Amino acid sequence: MMLVMTDPKKPNLLKPLIFCFAFWAIVGFPLWLIGIIINEKGEPNGLLFLWWLLLPIFAYFLIIFYNRLVQELNLVKNAWSQVDVNLQRRSDLVENLIRVVNQYTIHEHETLITVTQARSGATGILNVKERSTAEQKLSTALLSFMAVVEGYPELKANQVFIKLQDELTNTENMIALARELYNNQVVRYNNQIQVFPKSILALTANFALASFFHATEEARHKTPKVRKILSWEQNSSD
């Protein structure tokens, strides 16, 4: 799934090159003018040569900085793809859990509906901030779902359900790791486009800040409880 940044525009090198040419013209014109005056007096026209030399120097560093920012952006996208893969895996596991639970007579139908809606709401979202919010709603709904399961011994003893719980626990751990790697890469990328002079390049080339993917305060406190339930279930099956 493609990552959507704060600004949906794609990076473009054309604007920075135009900016570089304009800066070269503004700075270099006085040198060119002074060079002509000096040349009329019979002295070497070194300033005129320096003026022409500035353009390839500016363009060289511009391209170097641009390529580095593109590399950093691609690393952010790659890190997000790892997060997205694990989130999709969790979504599939939740769907399978719901199917197993539907085989039993459960009175708390609202909880199942909430989990199903939360799962559907987290599917197909490209924006990181919106995806983060949707995933937290799913985590909260899943927590309530697991609490309901506590009242159904037959369901807890189902081997398929136990296996899915174990896979869900491992997936939650992988999501946490992928989230940390992604956020670390976001910090590095955002720092690159905010420091001078790369900030000027980032502004003219449409490099937008990347959004962090983090859990809410409520989810941070509730996540250990979910893992505790899952671990207890696994131990009880032994």
Protein backbone atom coordinates (compact mmCIF):
# COMPACT_ATOMS: atom_id res chain seq x y z
CA MET A 1 0.00 0.00 0.00
CA MET A 2 1.40 3.36 -1.05
CA LEU A 3 2.36 5.77 1.72
CA VAL A 4 0.62 9.14 1.66
CA MET A 5 2.67 12.02 3.05
CA THR A 6 1.40 15.26 4.55
CA ASP A 7 1.58 16.84 1.08
CA PRO A 8 0.25 14.56 -1.69
CA LYS A 9 2.46 16.21 -4.33
CA LYS A 10 5.38 14.14 -5.59
CA PRO A 11 8.96 15.46 -5.36
CA ASN A 12 10.01 17.32 -8.49
CA LEU A 13 13.52 18.45 -9.45
CA LEU A 14 12.35 20.99 -12.03
CA LYS A 15 11.43 23.73 -9.56
CA PRO A 16 14.76 23.54 -7.67
CA LEU A 17 16.64 23.76 -10.99
CA ILE A 18 14.65 26.86 -11.95
CA PHE A 19 15.34 28.31 -8.50
CA CYS A 20 19.03 27.51 -8.91
CA PHE A 21 19.16 29.25 -12.30
CA ALA A 22 17.36 32.31 -10.91
CA PHE A 23 19.71 32.49 -7.93
CA TRP A 24 22.68 32.14 -10.25
CA ALA A 25 21.39 34.95 -12.45
CA ILE A 26 20.72 37.29 -9.53
CA VAL A 27 24.04 36.65 -7.78
CA GLY A 28 26.10 36.31 -10.93
CA PHE A 29 24.87 39.34 -12.83
CA PRO A 30 26.84 41.83 -10.70
CA LEU A 31 29.93 39.67 -11.15
CA TRP A 32 29.35 39.60 -14.89
CA LEU A 33 28.90 43.38 -14.98
CA ILE A 34 32.01 44.01 -12.90
CA GLY A 35 33.90 41.56 -15.10
CA ILE A 36 32.99 43.53 -18.21
CA ILE A 37 34.19 46.78 -16.62
CA ILE A 38 37.47 45.22 -15.56
CA ASN A 39 37.92 43.67 -19.00
CA GLU A 40 37.58 47.09 -20.64
CA LYS A 41 40.57 48.21 -18.60
CA GLY A 42 42.61 45.38 -20.05
CA GLU A 43 42.70 43.24 -16.91
CA PRO A 44 41.80 39.51 -16.84
CA ASN A 45 38.07 38.81 -16.77
CA GLY A 46 38.22 36.28 -13.91
CA LEU A 47 34.90 37.35 -12.40
CA LEU A 48 33.10 36.56 -15.63
CA PHE A 49 34.61 33.08 -15.59
CA LEU A 50 33.59 32.69 -11.93
CA TRP A 51 30.02 33.64 -12.83
CA TRP A 52 29.75 30.83 -15.38
CA LEU A 53 31.41 28.44 -12.96
CA LEU A 54 28.80 29.07 -10.26
CA LEU A 55 25.96 27.53 -12.28
CA PRO A 56 27.36 23.97 -12.60
CA ILE A 57 28.50 24.09 -8.95
CA PHE A 58 25.01 25.04 -7.76
CA ALA A 59 23.43 22.41 -10.01
CA TYR A 60 25.83 19.72 -8.79
CA PHE A 61 25.09 20.23 -5.10
CA LEU A 62 21.40 20.60 -5.87
CA ILE A 63 21.28 17.21 -7.57
CA ILE A 64 23.33 15.60 -4.76
CA PHE A 65 20.97 16.92 -2.07
CA TYR A 66 17.92 15.97 -4.10
CA ASN A 67 19.10 12.39 -4.59
CA ARG A 68 19.82 12.04 -0.86
CA LEU A 69 16.34 13.24 0.04
CA VAL A 70 14.81 10.81 -2.46
CA GLN A 71 16.79 7.98 -0.88
CA GLU A 72 15.62 8.95 2.60
CA LEU A 73 12.02 9.18 1.38
CA ASN A 74 12.25 5.74 -0.18
CA LEU A 75 13.53 4.35 3.13
CA VAL A 76 10.48 5.83 4.85
CA LYS A 77 8.20 4.20 2.30
CA ASN A 78 9.97 0.87 2.69
CA ALA A 79 9.65 1.06 6.48
CA TRP A 80 5.96 1.84 6.14
CA SER A 81 5.46 -1.15 3.85
CA GLN A 82 6.71 -3.37 6.67
CA VAL A 83 4.19 -1.80 9.04
CA ASP A 84 1.43 -2.20 6.50
CA VAL A 85 2.20 -5.88 5.91
CA ASN A 86 1.89 -6.64 9.62
CA LEU A 87 -1.26 -4.56 9.97
CA GLN A 88 -2.82 -6.46 7.10
CA ARG A 89 -1.80 -9.72 8.72
CA ARG A 90 -3.49 -8.65 11.95
CA SER A 91 -6.61 -7.70 10.02
CA ASP A 92 -6.74 -11.15 8.45
CA LEU A 93 -6.29 -12.81 11.83
CA VAL A 94 -9.10 -10.74 13.32
CA GLU A 95 -11.35 -11.78 10.46
CA ASN A 96 -10.56 -15.44 11.10
CA LEU A 97 -11.20 -14.97 14.83
CA ILE A 98 -14.61 -13.52 14.08
CA ARG A 99 -15.43 -16.50 11.88
CA VAL A 100 -14.52 -18.91 14.65
CA VAL A 101 -16.54 -16.98 17.23
CA ASN A 102 -19.57 -16.91 14.94
CA GLN A 103 -19.72 -20.68 15.24
CA TYR A 104 -20.66 -20.28 18.89
CA THR A 105 -23.73 -18.71 20.44
CA ILE A 106 -22.50 -15.40 21.82
CA HIS A 107 -24.95 -12.93 23.30
CA GLU A 108 -22.68 -9.88 23.00
CA HIS A 109 -23.36 -9.31 19.30
CA GLU A 110 -22.59 -5.60 19.62
CA THR A 111 -18.98 -6.44 20.43
CA LEU A 112 -18.64 -8.54 17.28
CA ILE A 113 -20.24 -5.79 15.22
CA THR A 114 -17.86 -3.23 16.69
CA VAL A 115 -14.82 -5.36 15.88
CA THR A 116 -16.07 -6.03 12.36
CA GLN A 117 -16.73 -2.35 11.72
CA ALA A 118 -13.38 -1.33 13.17
CA ARG A 119 -11.61 -3.83 10.95
CA SER A 120 -13.44 -2.59 7.88
CA GLY A 121 -12.69 1.01 8.82
CA ALA A 122 -8.96 0.31 8.96
CA THR A 123 -8.90 -1.26 5.50
CA GLY A 124 -7.85 0.75 2.47
CA ILE A 125 -6.69 3.89 4.30
CA LEU A 126 -3.56 5.41 2.74
CA ASN A 127 -2.93 8.39 5.02
CA VAL A 128 -0.69 7.50 7.97
CA LYS A 129 -2.51 9.66 10.53
CA GLU A 130 -5.91 8.34 9.53
CA ARG A 131 -4.60 4.78 9.45
CA SER A 132 -3.15 5.18 12.93
CA THR A 133 -6.50 6.36 14.31
CA ALA A 134 -8.38 3.53 12.60
CA GLU A 135 -5.95 0.90 13.85
CA GLN A 136 -6.31 2.16 17.41
CA LYS A 137 -10.06 1.82 17.16
CA LEU A 138 -9.52 -1.76 16.06
CA SER A 139 -7.16 -2.38 18.99
CA THR A 140 -9.72 -1.04 21.46
CA ALA A 141 -12.49 -3.13 19.90
CA LEU A 142 -10.25 -6.18 19.94
CA LEU A 143 -9.57 -5.67 23.64
CA SER A 144 -13.29 -5.71 24.39
CA PHE A 145 -13.66 -8.72 22.13
CA MET A 146 -11.05 -10.69 24.09
CA ALA A 147 -12.73 -9.76 27.37
CA VAL A 148 -16.02 -11.20 26.09
CA VAL A 149 -14.31 -14.45 25.15
CA GLU A 150 -13.43 -14.96 28.82
CA GLY A 151 -17.05 -15.90 29.52
CA TYR A 152 -17.11 -18.77 27.00
CA PRO A 153 -14.99 -21.77 28.11
CA GLU A 154 -15.84 -23.84 25.04
CA LEU A 155 -14.63 -21.10 22.75
CA LYS A 156 -11.44 -20.65 24.75
CA ALA A 157 -10.75 -24.38 24.41
CA ASN A 158 -11.09 -24.30 20.62
CA GLN A 159 -7.70 -25.23 19.15
CA VAL A 160 -8.15 -23.05 16.08
CA PHE A 161 -9.02 -20.08 18.27
CA ILE A 162 -5.99 -20.70 20.48
CA LYS A 163 -3.70 -20.89 17.46
CA LEU A 164 -5.11 -17.65 16.07
CA GLN A 165 -4.56 -15.96 19.43
CA ASP A 166 -0.93 -17.06 19.44
CA GLU A 167 -0.43 -15.75 15.91
CA LEU A 168 -2.13 -12.49 16.87
CA THR A 169 0.26 -12.07 19.80
CA ASN A 170 3.28 -12.56 17.53
CA THR A 171 1.82 -10.17 14.99
CA GLU A 172 1.31 -7.47 17.64
CA ASN A 173 4.98 -7.80 18.56
CA MET A 174 6.01 -7.48 14.91
CA ILE A 175 3.80 -4.42 14.52
CA ALA A 176 5.46 -2.79 17.50
CA LEU A 177 8.91 -3.47 16.06
CA ALA A 178 7.97 -2.29 12.56
CA ARG A 179 6.39 0.86 14.04
CA GLU A 180 9.59 1.67 15.90
CA LEU A 181 11.74 1.22 12.79
CA TYR A 182 9.35 3.33 10.74
CA ASN A 183 9.26 6.16 13.28
CA ASN A 184 13.06 6.16 13.52
CA GLN A 185 13.30 6.53 9.76
CA VAL A 186 10.70 9.31 9.83
CA VAL A 187 12.82 11.23 12.35
CA ARG A 188 15.87 10.91 10.11
CA TYR A 189 13.98 11.97 6.98
CA ASN A 190 12.20 14.90 8.65
CA ASN A 191 15.50 16.14 10.05
CA GLN A 192 17.01 16.06 6.57
CA ILE A 193 14.30 18.23 5.01
CA GLN A 194 14.21 20.72 7.90
CA VAL A 195 17.90 21.62 8.11
CA PHE A 196 19.38 24.42 6.01
CA PRO A 197 20.10 24.45 3.06
CA LYS A 198 18.19 21.23 2.34
CA SER A 199 15.05 22.86 3.71
CA ILE A 200 15.04 25.22 0.72
CA LEU A 201 15.37 22.30 -1.66
CA ALA A 202 12.65 20.37 0.18
CA LEU A 203 10.30 23.34 -0.04
CA THR A 204 10.80 23.92 -3.75
CA ALA A 205 10.86 20.20 -4.65
CA ASN A 206 7.67 19.26 -2.74
CA PHE A 207 9.33 17.11 -0.07
CA ALA A 208 6.70 16.98 2.68
CA LEU A 209 7.11 15.96 6.31
CA ALA A 210 6.32 12.32 7.02
CA SER A 211 3.78 11.47 9.73
CA PHE A 212 4.59 9.30 12.72
CA PHE A 213 2.67 6.11 13.31
CA HIS A 214 2.16 5.75 17.04
CA ALA A 215 -0.30 4.38 19.53
CA THR A 216 -2.54 6.63 21.58
CA GLU A 217 -1.99 6.94 25.32
CA GLU A 218 -5.08 4.79 25.94
CA ALA A 219 -3.80 2.07 23.66
CA ARG A 220 -0.35 2.09 25.29
CA HIS A 221 -1.93 1.27 28.63
CA LYS A 222 -4.31 -1.30 27.22
CA THR A 223 -1.97 -3.24 24.95
CA PRO A 224 -0.20 -5.12 27.79
CA LYS A 225 -3.60 -6.30 29.02
CA VAL A 226 -4.39 -7.79 25.62
CA ARG A 227 -1.09 -9.60 25.55
CA LYS A 228 -1.68 -10.82 29.07
CA ILE A 229 -5.02 -12.32 28.04
CA LEU A 230 -3.46 -13.98 25.03
CA SER A 231 -0.57 -15.36 27.06
CA TRP A 232 -2.97 -16.69 29.70
CA GLU A 233 -4.98 -18.41 27.02
CA GLN A 234 -1.89 -20.08 25.61
CA ASN A 235 -0.77 -21.29 29.04
CA SER A 236 -4.21 -22.61 29.89
CA SER A 237 -4.24 -24.67 26.70
CA ASP A 238 -1.06 -26.41 27.80
